[in-house]
């Protein structure tokens, strides 16, 4: 193996984490774009610089994606190679759950927004305390959406599990000390991503509320 390829392999865990970050960001972006298209007429007449919503949305999405990636970072960088197969499987299962959860939330956003004019929030979570009533109402009103969403989740789940068959295991071929040496800088980057601020307090919803338009603000503020 050449020196160049050895050097490249050291950064393989970082590359994997970055690809996962892009995956989460892509799903969040598509959901936001869908809302933008669906409510385009209302948004363009809101009298605001609505295009900034995608930039502010990226900031909020990065907070969530960085938080999601903390556990995969630990598994990829701090687990010994002897446990590589189990850690790789655990990473895949954990990420599959998160990706399916994100896709589910993005799909649920559209009917929830149509009903309450806001993205899923604490009210969305509170409704989960009454699953029988909620599921009954959803089934009665949104059969086509449920069918499409179910197909989407099944298709993505099968695709993700097959695509990641050897996605993580090759990372554990890298010497443990090399992977462990990357943990601190990776953790710092993820911590900055989660905090999303160099001020005395981390970013929060109020930092992203930049217009007087309820619709434009709520169009990108997500993730209950």
N, C-alpha and C. Protein backbone atom coordinates (compact mmCIF):
# COMPACT_ATOMS: atom_id res chain seq x y z
N UNK A 1 0.85 -1.20 0.00
CA UNK A 1 0.00 0.00 0.00
C UNK A 1 0.88 1.24 0.00
N UNK A 2 0.55 2.20 -0.82
CA UNK A 2 1.36 3.40 -0.92
C UNK A 2 1.09 4.31 0.26
N UNK A 3 1.99 5.27 0.46
CA UNK A 3 1.84 6.24 1.54
C UNK A 3 0.58 7.06 1.35
N UNK A 4 0.26 7.39 0.10
CA UNK A 4 -0.93 8.19 -0.18
C UNK A 4 -2.20 7.47 0.21
N UNK A 5 -2.28 6.17 -0.14
CA UNK A 5 -3.48 5.41 0.18
C UNK A 5 -3.61 5.19 1.68
N UNK A 6 -2.44 5.03 2.39
CA UNK A 6 -2.47 4.89 3.83
C UNK A 6 -3.01 6.16 4.47
N UNK A 7 -2.54 7.30 3.96
CA UNK A 7 -2.98 8.58 4.49
C UNK A 7 -4.48 8.78 4.26
N UNK A 8 -4.94 8.38 3.08
CA UNK A 8 -6.36 8.53 2.76
C UNK A 8 -7.22 7.66 3.67
N UNK A 9 -6.73 6.43 3.99
CA UNK A 9 -7.52 5.51 4.79
C UNK A 9 -7.72 6.03 6.21
N UNK A 10 -6.78 6.79 6.72
CA UNK A 10 -6.90 7.35 8.06
C UNK A 10 -8.12 8.25 8.17
N UNK A 11 -8.43 8.95 7.10
CA UNK A 11 -9.56 9.88 7.10
C UNK A 11 -10.87 9.22 6.69
N UNK A 12 -10.85 7.91 6.50
CA UNK A 12 -12.06 7.21 6.07
C UNK A 12 -13.23 7.39 7.04
N UNK A 13 -13.01 7.30 8.37
CA UNK A 13 -14.15 7.52 9.28
C UNK A 13 -14.77 8.91 9.12
N UNK A 14 -13.92 9.91 8.90
CA UNK A 14 -14.43 11.28 8.72
C UNK A 14 -15.27 11.36 7.45
N UNK A 15 -14.80 10.71 6.39
CA UNK A 15 -15.54 10.69 5.14
C UNK A 15 -16.90 10.02 5.33
N UNK A 16 -16.93 8.90 6.07
CA UNK A 16 -18.18 8.20 6.32
C UNK A 16 -19.16 9.08 7.08
N UNK A 17 -18.67 9.75 8.12
CA UNK A 17 -19.52 10.61 8.93
C UNK A 17 -20.05 11.79 8.11
N UNK A 18 -19.21 12.32 7.24
CA UNK A 18 -19.64 13.44 6.41
C UNK A 18 -20.71 13.00 5.41
N UNK A 19 -20.58 11.81 4.85
CA UNK A 19 -21.60 11.30 3.94
C UNK A 19 -22.93 11.10 4.66
N UNK A 20 -22.86 10.63 5.90
CA UNK A 20 -24.09 10.48 6.69
C UNK A 20 -24.71 11.83 6.99
N UNK A 21 -23.87 12.81 7.30
CA UNK A 21 -24.36 14.17 7.52
C UNK A 21 -25.10 14.68 6.28
N UNK A 22 -24.50 14.49 5.11
CA UNK A 22 -25.14 14.92 3.88
C UNK A 22 -26.47 14.20 3.65
N UNK A 23 -26.54 12.93 4.06
CA UNK A 23 -27.78 12.18 3.91
C UNK A 23 -28.91 12.79 4.73
N UNK A 24 -28.62 13.10 5.99
CA UNK A 24 -29.64 13.74 6.83
C UNK A 24 -30.03 15.11 6.28
N UNK A 25 -29.04 15.89 5.88
CA UNK A 25 -29.30 17.24 5.37
C UNK A 25 -30.15 17.17 4.10
N UNK A 26 -29.89 16.18 3.25
CA UNK A 26 -30.65 16.04 2.00
C UNK A 26 -32.13 15.77 2.29
N UNK A 27 -32.40 14.89 3.27
CA UNK A 27 -33.80 14.59 3.60
C UNK A 27 -34.49 15.82 4.18
N UNK A 28 -33.80 16.52 5.09
CA UNK A 28 -34.38 17.73 5.67
C UNK A 28 -34.64 18.78 4.58
N UNK A 29 -33.70 18.90 3.65
CA UNK A 29 -33.84 19.89 2.58
C UNK A 29 -35.03 19.57 1.69
N UNK A 30 -35.20 18.30 1.34
CA UNK A 30 -36.32 17.91 0.48
C UNK A 30 -37.65 18.17 1.17
N UNK A 31 -37.71 17.91 2.48
CA UNK A 31 -38.93 18.20 3.21
C UNK A 31 -39.24 19.69 3.22
N UNK A 32 -38.20 20.50 3.44
CA UNK A 32 -38.39 21.96 3.46
C UNK A 32 -38.77 22.47 2.07
N UNK A 33 -38.13 21.91 1.04
CA UNK A 33 -38.45 22.31 -0.32
C UNK A 33 -39.89 21.96 -0.66
N UNK A 34 -40.36 20.81 -0.20
CA UNK A 34 -41.74 20.41 -0.43
C UNK A 34 -42.72 21.41 0.17
N UNK A 35 -42.44 21.85 1.41
CA UNK A 35 -43.29 22.85 2.04
C UNK A 35 -43.24 24.17 1.28
N UNK A 36 -42.04 24.52 0.81
CA UNK A 36 -41.87 25.77 0.07
C UNK A 36 -42.71 25.75 -1.21
N UNK A 37 -42.68 24.65 -1.92
CA UNK A 37 -43.45 24.53 -3.16
C UNK A 37 -44.94 24.51 -2.87
N UNK A 38 -45.34 23.78 -1.84
CA UNK A 38 -46.75 23.62 -1.51
C UNK A 38 -47.38 24.95 -1.08
N UNK A 39 -46.61 25.75 -0.35
CA UNK A 39 -47.14 27.03 0.16
C UNK A 39 -46.45 28.23 -0.52
N UNK A 40 -46.05 28.02 -1.76
CA UNK A 40 -45.30 29.05 -2.49
C UNK A 40 -46.05 30.38 -2.56
N UNK A 41 -47.33 30.33 -2.91
CA UNK A 41 -48.10 31.57 -3.06
C UNK A 41 -48.15 32.37 -1.77
N UNK A 42 -48.35 31.70 -0.67
CA UNK A 42 -48.39 32.40 0.62
C UNK A 42 -47.02 32.95 1.00
N UNK A 43 -45.99 32.18 0.70
CA UNK A 43 -44.64 32.59 1.10
C UNK A 43 -44.17 33.80 0.31
N UNK A 44 -44.38 33.79 -1.02
CA UNK A 44 -43.87 34.89 -1.84
C UNK A 44 -44.62 36.19 -1.56
N UNK A 45 -45.82 36.08 -1.02
CA UNK A 45 -46.59 37.28 -0.69
C UNK A 45 -46.45 37.66 0.79
N UNK A 46 -45.50 37.06 1.46
CA UNK A 46 -45.32 37.33 2.88
C UNK A 46 -44.54 38.62 3.13
N UNK A 47 -43.91 39.16 2.07
CA UNK A 47 -43.15 40.39 2.22
C UNK A 47 -41.85 40.21 2.97
N UNK A 48 -41.30 38.99 2.93
CA UNK A 48 -40.05 38.70 3.64
C UNK A 48 -39.02 38.16 2.66
N UNK A 49 -37.77 38.15 3.10
CA UNK A 49 -36.71 37.54 2.30
C UNK A 49 -36.72 36.03 2.57
N UNK A 50 -37.69 35.38 1.96
CA UNK A 50 -37.97 33.99 2.28
C UNK A 50 -36.85 33.03 1.89
N UNK A 51 -36.00 33.42 0.93
CA UNK A 51 -34.91 32.51 0.52
C UNK A 51 -33.94 32.25 1.66
N UNK A 52 -33.88 33.19 2.63
CA UNK A 52 -33.00 32.98 3.78
C UNK A 52 -33.47 31.80 4.63
N UNK A 53 -34.71 31.40 4.45
CA UNK A 53 -35.23 30.31 5.27
C UNK A 53 -34.44 29.02 5.05
N UNK A 54 -33.92 28.84 3.83
CA UNK A 54 -33.13 27.63 3.56
C UNK A 54 -31.79 27.68 4.29
N UNK A 55 -31.20 28.87 4.39
CA UNK A 55 -29.92 29.01 5.10
C UNK A 55 -30.13 28.82 6.60
N UNK A 56 -31.15 29.47 7.15
CA UNK A 56 -31.45 29.29 8.56
C UNK A 56 -31.86 27.84 8.83
N UNK A 57 -32.58 27.26 7.88
CA UNK A 57 -32.97 25.86 8.02
C UNK A 57 -31.77 24.94 8.05
N UNK A 58 -30.75 25.24 7.25
CA UNK A 58 -29.53 24.43 7.24
C UNK A 58 -28.87 24.47 8.61
N UNK A 59 -28.90 25.61 9.25
CA UNK A 59 -28.32 25.72 10.59
C UNK A 59 -29.06 24.82 11.57
N UNK A 60 -30.39 24.86 11.54
CA UNK A 60 -31.18 24.02 12.44
C UNK A 60 -30.97 22.54 12.12
N UNK A 61 -30.92 22.22 10.84
CA UNK A 61 -30.71 20.82 10.43
C UNK A 61 -29.35 20.31 10.86
N UNK A 62 -28.33 21.17 10.80
CA UNK A 62 -26.98 20.79 11.20
C UNK A 62 -26.92 20.46 12.68
N UNK A 63 -27.69 21.19 13.48
CA UNK A 63 -27.74 20.89 14.91
C UNK A 63 -28.24 19.47 15.13
N UNK A 64 -29.33 19.11 14.46
CA UNK A 64 -29.92 17.78 14.63
C UNK A 64 -28.99 16.70 14.06
N UNK A 65 -28.46 16.92 12.86
CA UNK A 65 -27.59 15.93 12.23
C UNK A 65 -26.33 15.70 13.06
N UNK A 66 -25.75 16.77 13.60
CA UNK A 66 -24.55 16.63 14.42
C UNK A 66 -24.84 15.83 15.68
N UNK A 67 -26.01 16.06 16.27
CA UNK A 67 -26.40 15.29 17.45
C UNK A 67 -26.57 13.82 17.10
N UNK A 68 -27.19 13.55 15.96
CA UNK A 68 -27.38 12.17 15.52
C UNK A 68 -26.05 11.44 15.32
N UNK A 69 -25.03 12.16 14.90
CA UNK A 69 -23.76 11.53 14.51
C UNK A 69 -22.80 11.31 15.68
N UNK A 70 -23.16 11.75 16.86
CA UNK A 70 -22.27 11.56 18.01
C UNK A 70 -22.04 10.09 18.31
N UNK A 71 -23.10 9.30 18.34
CA UNK A 71 -22.96 7.87 18.64
C UNK A 71 -22.20 7.13 17.54
N UNK A 72 -22.52 7.34 16.24
CA UNK A 72 -21.70 6.70 15.20
C UNK A 72 -20.22 7.10 15.29
N UNK A 73 -19.94 8.34 15.66
CA UNK A 73 -18.55 8.78 15.80
C UNK A 73 -17.85 7.98 16.89
N UNK A 74 -18.52 7.77 18.00
CA UNK A 74 -17.94 6.98 19.09
C UNK A 74 -17.70 5.54 18.65
N UNK A 75 -18.68 4.96 17.96
CA UNK A 75 -18.56 3.57 17.52
C UNK A 75 -17.45 3.40 16.48
N UNK A 76 -17.32 4.36 15.58
CA UNK A 76 -16.32 4.25 14.52
C UNK A 76 -14.90 4.52 15.01
N UNK A 77 -14.76 5.41 15.97
CA UNK A 77 -13.43 5.87 16.35
C UNK A 77 -12.89 5.26 17.65
N UNK A 78 -13.76 4.81 18.52
CA UNK A 78 -13.29 4.35 19.84
C UNK A 78 -13.49 2.86 20.10
N UNK A 79 -14.20 2.17 19.23
CA UNK A 79 -14.41 0.73 19.43
C UNK A 79 -13.24 -0.04 18.83
N UNK A 80 -12.64 -0.97 19.58
CA UNK A 80 -11.52 -1.76 19.05
C UNK A 80 -11.92 -2.59 17.83
N UNK A 81 -10.92 -2.89 17.02
CA UNK A 81 -11.18 -3.64 15.79
C UNK A 81 -11.76 -5.02 16.06
N UNK A 82 -11.43 -5.60 17.22
CA UNK A 82 -11.94 -6.93 17.57
C UNK A 82 -13.47 -6.94 17.65
N UNK A 83 -14.04 -5.78 17.96
CA UNK A 83 -15.51 -5.67 18.05
C UNK A 83 -16.08 -4.95 16.84
N UNK A 84 -15.28 -4.88 15.77
CA UNK A 84 -15.67 -4.11 14.59
C UNK A 84 -16.96 -4.58 13.95
N UNK A 85 -17.14 -5.89 13.82
CA UNK A 85 -18.34 -6.40 13.16
C UNK A 85 -19.60 -6.02 13.93
N UNK A 86 -19.54 -6.17 15.25
CA UNK A 86 -20.70 -5.82 16.06
C UNK A 86 -20.95 -4.32 16.03
N UNK A 87 -19.88 -3.52 16.12
CA UNK A 87 -20.02 -2.06 16.10
C UNK A 87 -20.57 -1.58 14.76
N UNK A 88 -20.12 -2.23 13.68
CA UNK A 88 -20.61 -1.86 12.35
C UNK A 88 -22.10 -2.17 12.23
N UNK A 89 -22.51 -3.34 12.74
CA UNK A 89 -23.93 -3.69 12.71
C UNK A 89 -24.75 -2.73 13.56
N UNK A 90 -24.23 -2.40 14.74
CA UNK A 90 -24.94 -1.49 15.64
C UNK A 90 -25.08 -0.10 15.01
N UNK A 91 -24.03 0.35 14.33
CA UNK A 91 -24.09 1.65 13.65
C UNK A 91 -25.16 1.65 12.57
N UNK A 92 -25.21 0.57 11.80
CA UNK A 92 -26.21 0.47 10.74
C UNK A 92 -27.62 0.47 11.31
N UNK A 93 -27.85 -0.32 12.37
CA UNK A 93 -29.18 -0.39 12.97
C UNK A 93 -29.59 0.95 13.56
N UNK A 94 -28.67 1.60 14.25
CA UNK A 94 -28.95 2.91 14.86
C UNK A 94 -29.28 3.95 13.79
N UNK A 95 -28.48 3.99 12.75
CA UNK A 95 -28.69 4.98 11.68
C UNK A 95 -29.94 4.67 10.87
N UNK A 96 -30.22 3.39 10.65
CA UNK A 96 -31.45 3.03 9.94
C UNK A 96 -32.66 3.54 10.71
N UNK A 97 -32.66 3.35 12.02
CA UNK A 97 -33.76 3.85 12.85
C UNK A 97 -33.90 5.36 12.71
N UNK A 98 -32.78 6.08 12.79
CA UNK A 98 -32.82 7.54 12.71
C UNK A 98 -33.29 8.02 11.34
N UNK A 99 -32.76 7.42 10.28
CA UNK A 99 -33.18 7.83 8.93
C UNK A 99 -34.68 7.57 8.73
N UNK A 100 -35.15 6.42 9.17
CA UNK A 100 -36.58 6.12 9.04
C UNK A 100 -37.42 7.09 9.87
N UNK A 101 -36.92 7.42 11.06
CA UNK A 101 -37.63 8.38 11.91
C UNK A 101 -37.71 9.75 11.24
N UNK A 102 -36.59 10.19 10.65
CA UNK A 102 -36.56 11.48 9.97
C UNK A 102 -37.51 11.49 8.78
N UNK A 103 -37.50 10.42 7.98
CA UNK A 103 -38.39 10.34 6.82
C UNK A 103 -39.85 10.33 7.28
N UNK A 104 -40.12 9.60 8.36
CA UNK A 104 -41.49 9.58 8.90
C UNK A 104 -41.93 10.98 9.33
N UNK A 105 -41.07 11.68 10.07
CA UNK A 105 -41.40 13.03 10.55
C UNK A 105 -41.62 13.98 9.37
N UNK A 106 -40.74 13.90 8.37
CA UNK A 106 -40.89 14.79 7.21
C UNK A 106 -42.20 14.51 6.47
N UNK A 107 -42.58 13.24 6.38
CA UNK A 107 -43.86 12.91 5.74
C UNK A 107 -45.04 13.38 6.59
N UNK A 108 -44.92 13.21 7.91
CA UNK A 108 -46.00 13.61 8.80
C UNK A 108 -46.15 15.12 8.86
N UNK A 109 -45.09 15.84 8.50
CA UNK A 109 -45.11 17.30 8.55
C UNK A 109 -46.21 17.89 7.66
N UNK A 110 -46.41 17.30 6.48
CA UNK A 110 -47.35 17.89 5.51
C UNK A 110 -48.79 17.89 6.02
N UNK A 111 -49.34 16.75 6.46
CA UNK A 111 -50.71 16.81 7.00
C UNK A 111 -50.80 17.60 8.29
N UNK A 112 -49.74 17.55 9.12
CA UNK A 112 -49.75 18.29 10.37
C UNK A 112 -49.74 19.80 10.09
N UNK A 113 -48.94 20.20 9.11
CA UNK A 113 -48.86 21.62 8.75
C UNK A 113 -50.20 22.08 8.17
N UNK A 114 -50.81 21.22 7.37
CA UNK A 114 -52.11 21.58 6.77
C UNK A 114 -53.18 21.75 7.84
N UNK A 115 -53.06 20.99 8.93
CA UNK A 115 -54.07 21.04 10.00
C UNK A 115 -53.81 22.18 10.99
N UNK A 116 -52.53 22.39 11.36
CA UNK A 116 -52.21 23.33 12.43
C UNK A 116 -51.36 24.51 11.98
N UNK A 117 -50.97 24.54 10.71
CA UNK A 117 -50.16 25.63 10.16
C UNK A 117 -48.83 25.77 10.89
N UNK A 118 -48.26 24.67 11.28
CA UNK A 118 -46.97 24.65 11.97
C UNK A 118 -46.35 23.26 11.78
N UNK A 119 -45.04 23.20 11.85
CA UNK A 119 -44.37 21.90 11.78
C UNK A 119 -44.68 21.09 13.04
N UNK A 120 -44.44 19.77 13.00
CA UNK A 120 -44.64 18.96 14.21
C UNK A 120 -43.88 19.54 15.40
N UNK A 121 -44.58 19.69 16.52
CA UNK A 121 -44.00 20.29 17.71
C UNK A 121 -44.42 19.48 18.93
N UNK A 122 -44.46 20.12 20.08
CA UNK A 122 -44.84 19.41 21.31
C UNK A 122 -46.25 18.83 21.20
N UNK A 123 -47.13 19.53 20.49
CA UNK A 123 -48.50 19.04 20.30
C UNK A 123 -48.50 17.71 19.57
N UNK A 124 -47.62 17.59 18.56
CA UNK A 124 -47.48 16.35 17.80
C UNK A 124 -47.11 15.20 18.73
N UNK A 125 -46.18 15.45 19.64
CA UNK A 125 -45.73 14.42 20.58
C UNK A 125 -46.83 14.10 21.59
N UNK A 126 -47.54 15.12 22.06
CA UNK A 126 -48.61 14.91 23.03
C UNK A 126 -49.72 14.02 22.47
N UNK A 127 -49.97 14.16 21.16
CA UNK A 127 -51.02 13.35 20.55
C UNK A 127 -50.67 11.86 20.56
N UNK A 128 -49.38 11.54 20.68
CA UNK A 128 -48.98 10.13 20.70
C UNK A 128 -49.45 9.42 21.96
N UNK A 129 -49.92 10.18 22.94
CA UNK A 129 -50.46 9.56 24.15
C UNK A 129 -51.82 8.92 23.89
N UNK A 130 -52.42 9.27 22.76
CA UNK A 130 -53.74 8.71 22.41
C UNK A 130 -53.65 8.02 21.05
N UNK A 131 -52.89 6.94 20.97
CA UNK A 131 -52.63 6.30 19.67
C UNK A 131 -53.88 5.79 18.96
N UNK A 132 -54.85 5.26 19.70
CA UNK A 132 -56.05 4.70 19.06
C UNK A 132 -56.83 5.79 18.34
N UNK A 133 -57.09 6.89 19.04
CA UNK A 133 -57.86 7.99 18.43
C UNK A 133 -57.11 8.64 17.29
N UNK A 134 -55.81 8.87 17.51
CA UNK A 134 -55.00 9.54 16.49
C UNK A 134 -54.89 8.68 15.24
N UNK A 135 -54.57 7.39 15.42
CA UNK A 135 -54.44 6.50 14.27
C UNK A 135 -55.76 6.36 13.53
N UNK A 136 -56.86 6.37 14.27
CA UNK A 136 -58.16 6.28 13.62
C UNK A 136 -58.45 7.48 12.75
N UNK A 137 -58.15 8.66 13.27
CA UNK A 137 -58.37 9.89 12.50
C UNK A 137 -57.45 9.96 11.28
N UNK A 138 -56.20 9.57 11.48
CA UNK A 138 -55.24 9.60 10.38
C UNK A 138 -55.65 8.63 9.28
N UNK A 139 -56.05 7.43 9.68
CA UNK A 139 -56.45 6.42 8.69
C UNK A 139 -57.67 6.87 7.91
N UNK A 140 -58.59 7.57 8.58
CA UNK A 140 -59.81 8.01 7.92
C UNK A 140 -59.56 9.15 6.94
N UNK A 141 -58.56 9.97 7.20
CA UNK A 141 -58.35 11.18 6.40
C UNK A 141 -57.17 11.11 5.43
N UNK A 142 -56.20 10.23 5.69
CA UNK A 142 -54.95 10.30 4.92
C UNK A 142 -54.50 8.93 4.40
N UNK A 143 -55.43 8.14 3.88
CA UNK A 143 -55.07 6.81 3.39
C UNK A 143 -54.01 6.86 2.28
N UNK A 144 -54.16 7.72 1.25
CA UNK A 144 -53.13 7.76 0.20
C UNK A 144 -51.76 8.15 0.74
N UNK A 145 -51.73 9.14 1.65
CA UNK A 145 -50.46 9.57 2.22
C UNK A 145 -49.82 8.45 3.04
N UNK A 146 -50.64 7.70 3.77
CA UNK A 146 -50.11 6.59 4.56
C UNK A 146 -49.51 5.53 3.65
N UNK A 147 -50.21 5.23 2.55
CA UNK A 147 -49.73 4.22 1.61
C UNK A 147 -48.39 4.64 1.00
N UNK A 148 -48.30 5.89 0.55
CA UNK A 148 -47.07 6.39 -0.06
C UNK A 148 -45.94 6.42 0.95
N UNK A 149 -46.22 6.89 2.16
CA UNK A 149 -45.20 6.97 3.19
C UNK A 149 -44.68 5.60 3.58
N UNK A 150 -45.60 4.63 3.69
CA UNK A 150 -45.20 3.27 4.04
C UNK A 150 -44.29 2.68 2.98
N UNK A 151 -44.66 2.86 1.71
CA UNK A 151 -43.80 2.38 0.62
C UNK A 151 -42.44 3.05 0.66
N UNK A 152 -42.43 4.35 0.94
CA UNK A 152 -41.18 5.09 1.00
C UNK A 152 -40.27 4.56 2.11
N UNK A 153 -40.85 4.31 3.28
CA UNK A 153 -40.08 3.81 4.42
C UNK A 153 -39.53 2.41 4.15
N UNK A 154 -40.36 1.55 3.57
CA UNK A 154 -39.92 0.18 3.27
C UNK A 154 -38.81 0.20 2.22
N UNK A 155 -39.02 0.98 1.16
CA UNK A 155 -38.03 1.05 0.09
C UNK A 155 -36.71 1.60 0.60
N UNK A 156 -36.77 2.67 1.37
CA UNK A 156 -35.54 3.25 1.90
C UNK A 156 -34.85 2.28 2.86
N UNK A 157 -35.63 1.63 3.73
CA UNK A 157 -35.05 0.70 4.69
C UNK A 157 -34.28 -0.43 4.00
N UNK A 158 -34.89 -1.01 2.96
CA UNK A 158 -34.23 -2.09 2.21
C UNK A 158 -32.98 -1.56 1.51
N UNK A 159 -33.11 -0.40 0.86
CA UNK A 159 -31.98 0.19 0.15
C UNK A 159 -30.84 0.51 1.11
N UNK A 160 -31.13 1.12 2.24
CA UNK A 160 -30.09 1.52 3.20
C UNK A 160 -29.37 0.30 3.75
N UNK A 161 -30.12 -0.73 4.12
CA UNK A 161 -29.50 -1.90 4.73
C UNK A 161 -28.58 -2.62 3.75
N UNK A 162 -29.01 -2.67 2.49
CA UNK A 162 -28.15 -3.30 1.48
C UNK A 162 -26.95 -2.43 1.15
N UNK A 163 -27.17 -1.13 1.04
CA UNK A 163 -26.11 -0.21 0.65
C UNK A 163 -25.01 -0.12 1.70
N UNK A 164 -25.37 -0.32 2.96
CA UNK A 164 -24.39 -0.16 4.03
C UNK A 164 -23.82 -1.49 4.49
N UNK A 165 -23.97 -2.52 3.67
CA UNK A 165 -23.51 -3.85 4.03
C UNK A 165 -22.04 -3.84 4.47
N UNK A 166 -21.18 -3.16 3.71
CA UNK A 166 -19.77 -3.08 4.10
C UNK A 166 -19.31 -1.66 4.32
N UNK A 167 -20.27 -0.78 4.61
CA UNK A 167 -19.98 0.65 4.68
C UNK A 167 -19.09 0.99 5.87
N UNK A 168 -19.29 0.31 7.01
CA UNK A 168 -18.55 0.66 8.22
C UNK A 168 -17.40 -0.29 8.52
N UNK A 169 -17.52 -1.54 8.12
CA UNK A 169 -16.56 -2.55 8.56
C UNK A 169 -15.14 -2.23 8.12
N UNK A 170 -14.98 -1.59 6.96
CA UNK A 170 -13.63 -1.27 6.48
C UNK A 170 -12.92 -0.25 7.36
N UNK A 171 -13.70 0.53 8.11
CA UNK A 171 -13.08 1.51 9.00
C UNK A 171 -12.25 0.82 10.07
N UNK A 172 -12.67 -0.37 10.50
CA UNK A 172 -11.99 -1.06 11.59
C UNK A 172 -10.71 -1.75 11.15
N UNK A 173 -10.37 -1.63 9.87
CA UNK A 173 -9.07 -2.11 9.39
C UNK A 173 -7.97 -1.09 9.67
N UNK A 174 -8.39 0.13 10.02
CA UNK A 174 -7.44 1.18 10.38
C UNK A 174 -6.98 0.94 11.81
N UNK A 175 -5.70 1.16 12.07
CA UNK A 175 -5.16 0.96 13.41
C UNK A 175 -5.96 1.75 14.44
N UNK A 176 -6.19 1.11 15.59
CA UNK A 176 -7.04 1.73 16.61
C UNK A 176 -6.52 3.09 17.04
N UNK A 177 -5.21 3.21 17.23
CA UNK A 177 -4.67 4.48 17.73
C UNK A 177 -4.88 5.61 16.74
N UNK A 178 -4.89 5.28 15.45
CA UNK A 178 -5.14 6.31 14.43
C UNK A 178 -6.59 6.78 14.49
N UNK A 179 -7.50 5.82 14.68
CA UNK A 179 -8.91 6.21 14.78
C UNK A 179 -9.17 6.99 16.05
N UNK A 180 -8.58 6.53 17.15
CA UNK A 180 -8.78 7.21 18.43
C UNK A 180 -8.23 8.64 18.40
N UNK A 181 -7.14 8.84 17.66
CA UNK A 181 -6.55 10.18 17.57
C UNK A 181 -7.48 11.16 16.86
N UNK A 182 -8.39 10.63 16.05
CA UNK A 182 -9.33 11.49 15.33
C UNK A 182 -10.53 11.87 16.19
N UNK A 183 -10.74 11.17 17.29
CA UNK A 183 -11.98 11.37 18.03
C UNK A 183 -12.12 12.79 18.57
N UNK A 184 -11.07 13.32 19.17
CA UNK A 184 -11.17 14.66 19.76
C UNK A 184 -11.52 15.73 18.73
N UNK A 185 -10.80 15.81 17.59
CA UNK A 185 -11.20 16.82 16.60
C UNK A 185 -12.59 16.59 16.02
N UNK A 186 -12.97 15.33 15.81
CA UNK A 186 -14.31 15.04 15.30
C UNK A 186 -15.36 15.44 16.33
N UNK A 187 -15.10 15.11 17.60
CA UNK A 187 -16.04 15.46 18.66
C UNK A 187 -16.20 16.98 18.76
N UNK A 188 -15.09 17.71 18.64
CA UNK A 188 -15.15 19.18 18.70
C UNK A 188 -16.01 19.73 17.57
N UNK A 189 -15.82 19.18 16.37
CA UNK A 189 -16.61 19.63 15.21
C UNK A 189 -18.10 19.35 15.43
N UNK A 190 -18.41 18.14 15.92
CA UNK A 190 -19.81 17.79 16.17
C UNK A 190 -20.39 18.64 17.30
N UNK A 191 -19.58 18.91 18.31
CA UNK A 191 -20.04 19.75 19.42
C UNK A 191 -20.38 21.16 18.93
N UNK A 192 -19.51 21.69 18.06
CA UNK A 192 -19.78 23.00 17.47
C UNK A 192 -21.05 22.95 16.63
N UNK A 193 -21.23 21.85 15.90
CA UNK A 193 -22.44 21.69 15.08
C UNK A 193 -23.69 21.65 15.93
N UNK A 194 -23.64 20.95 17.06
CA UNK A 194 -24.80 20.86 17.95
C UNK A 194 -25.07 22.20 18.62
N UNK A 195 -24.01 22.85 19.07
CA UNK A 195 -24.17 24.14 19.76
C UNK A 195 -24.53 25.25 18.77
N UNK A 196 -23.94 25.22 17.58
CA UNK A 196 -24.22 26.16 16.50
C UNK A 196 -24.09 27.61 16.93
N UNK A 197 -23.17 27.85 17.83
CA UNK A 197 -22.97 29.22 18.30
C UNK A 197 -21.67 29.30 19.09
N UNK A 198 -20.98 30.43 18.96
CA UNK A 198 -19.80 30.69 19.76
C UNK A 198 -20.10 31.71 20.86
N UNK A 199 -21.38 32.01 21.03
CA UNK A 199 -21.79 32.93 22.09
C UNK A 199 -21.90 32.19 23.41
N UNK A 200 -22.33 32.89 24.45
CA UNK A 200 -22.39 32.29 25.78
C UNK A 200 -23.48 31.23 25.89
N UNK A 201 -24.44 31.21 24.95
CA UNK A 201 -25.48 30.20 24.98
C UNK A 201 -25.61 29.57 23.60
N UNK A 202 -26.04 28.31 23.55
CA UNK A 202 -26.19 27.64 22.24
C UNK A 202 -27.35 28.22 21.45
N UNK A 203 -27.37 27.91 20.16
CA UNK A 203 -28.47 28.37 19.31
C UNK A 203 -29.78 27.72 19.75
N UNK A 204 -30.87 28.44 19.56
CA UNK A 204 -32.19 27.90 19.88
C UNK A 204 -33.19 28.43 18.86
N UNK A 205 -34.44 28.07 19.04
CA UNK A 205 -35.48 28.43 18.07
C UNK A 205 -35.58 29.94 17.87
N UNK A 206 -35.39 30.70 18.94
CA UNK A 206 -35.52 32.16 18.82
C UNK A 206 -34.47 32.74 17.90
N UNK A 207 -33.29 32.10 17.82
CA UNK A 207 -32.24 32.59 16.93
C UNK A 207 -32.62 32.43 15.47
N UNK A 208 -33.51 31.49 15.18
CA UNK A 208 -33.88 31.22 13.80
C UNK A 208 -35.15 31.94 13.36
N UNK A 209 -35.80 32.62 14.29
CA UNK A 209 -37.02 33.36 13.95
C UNK A 209 -36.60 34.74 13.47
N UNK A 210 -36.48 34.88 12.16
CA UNK A 210 -35.87 36.09 11.62
C UNK A 210 -36.86 36.98 10.88
N UNK A 211 -38.14 36.59 10.76
CA UNK A 211 -39.13 37.40 10.05
C UNK A 211 -40.38 37.56 10.91
N UNK A 212 -41.27 38.41 10.45
CA UNK A 212 -42.56 38.57 11.11
C UNK A 212 -43.61 37.64 10.54
N UNK A 213 -43.20 36.85 9.55
CA UNK A 213 -44.14 35.92 8.91
C UNK A 213 -44.14 34.58 9.63
N UNK A 214 -45.27 34.23 10.18
CA UNK A 214 -45.40 32.93 10.85
C UNK A 214 -45.09 31.79 9.89
N UNK A 215 -45.61 31.88 8.69
CA UNK A 215 -45.42 30.81 7.72
C UNK A 215 -43.96 30.63 7.35
N UNK A 216 -43.25 31.72 7.05
CA UNK A 216 -41.85 31.61 6.65
C UNK A 216 -41.01 31.07 7.80
N UNK A 217 -41.28 31.51 9.04
CA UNK A 217 -40.54 31.00 10.17
C UNK A 217 -40.79 29.50 10.37
N UNK A 218 -42.03 29.11 10.36
CA UNK A 218 -42.38 27.72 10.62
C UNK A 218 -42.06 26.81 9.45
N UNK A 219 -41.83 27.40 8.27
CA UNK A 219 -41.52 26.59 7.10
C UNK A 219 -40.19 25.87 7.25
N UNK A 220 -39.31 26.40 8.08
CA UNK A 220 -38.02 25.73 8.22
C UNK A 220 -37.74 25.29 9.63
N UNK A 221 -38.48 25.78 10.62
CA UNK A 221 -38.23 25.35 11.99
C UNK A 221 -38.87 23.99 12.19
N UNK A 222 -38.06 22.95 12.31
CA UNK A 222 -38.60 21.61 12.41
C UNK A 222 -38.02 20.85 13.58
N UNK A 223 -38.16 19.54 13.52
CA UNK A 223 -37.56 18.62 14.47
C UNK A 223 -38.12 18.81 15.88
N UNK A 224 -39.23 18.15 16.19
CA UNK A 224 -39.84 18.32 17.51
C UNK A 224 -38.92 17.80 18.62
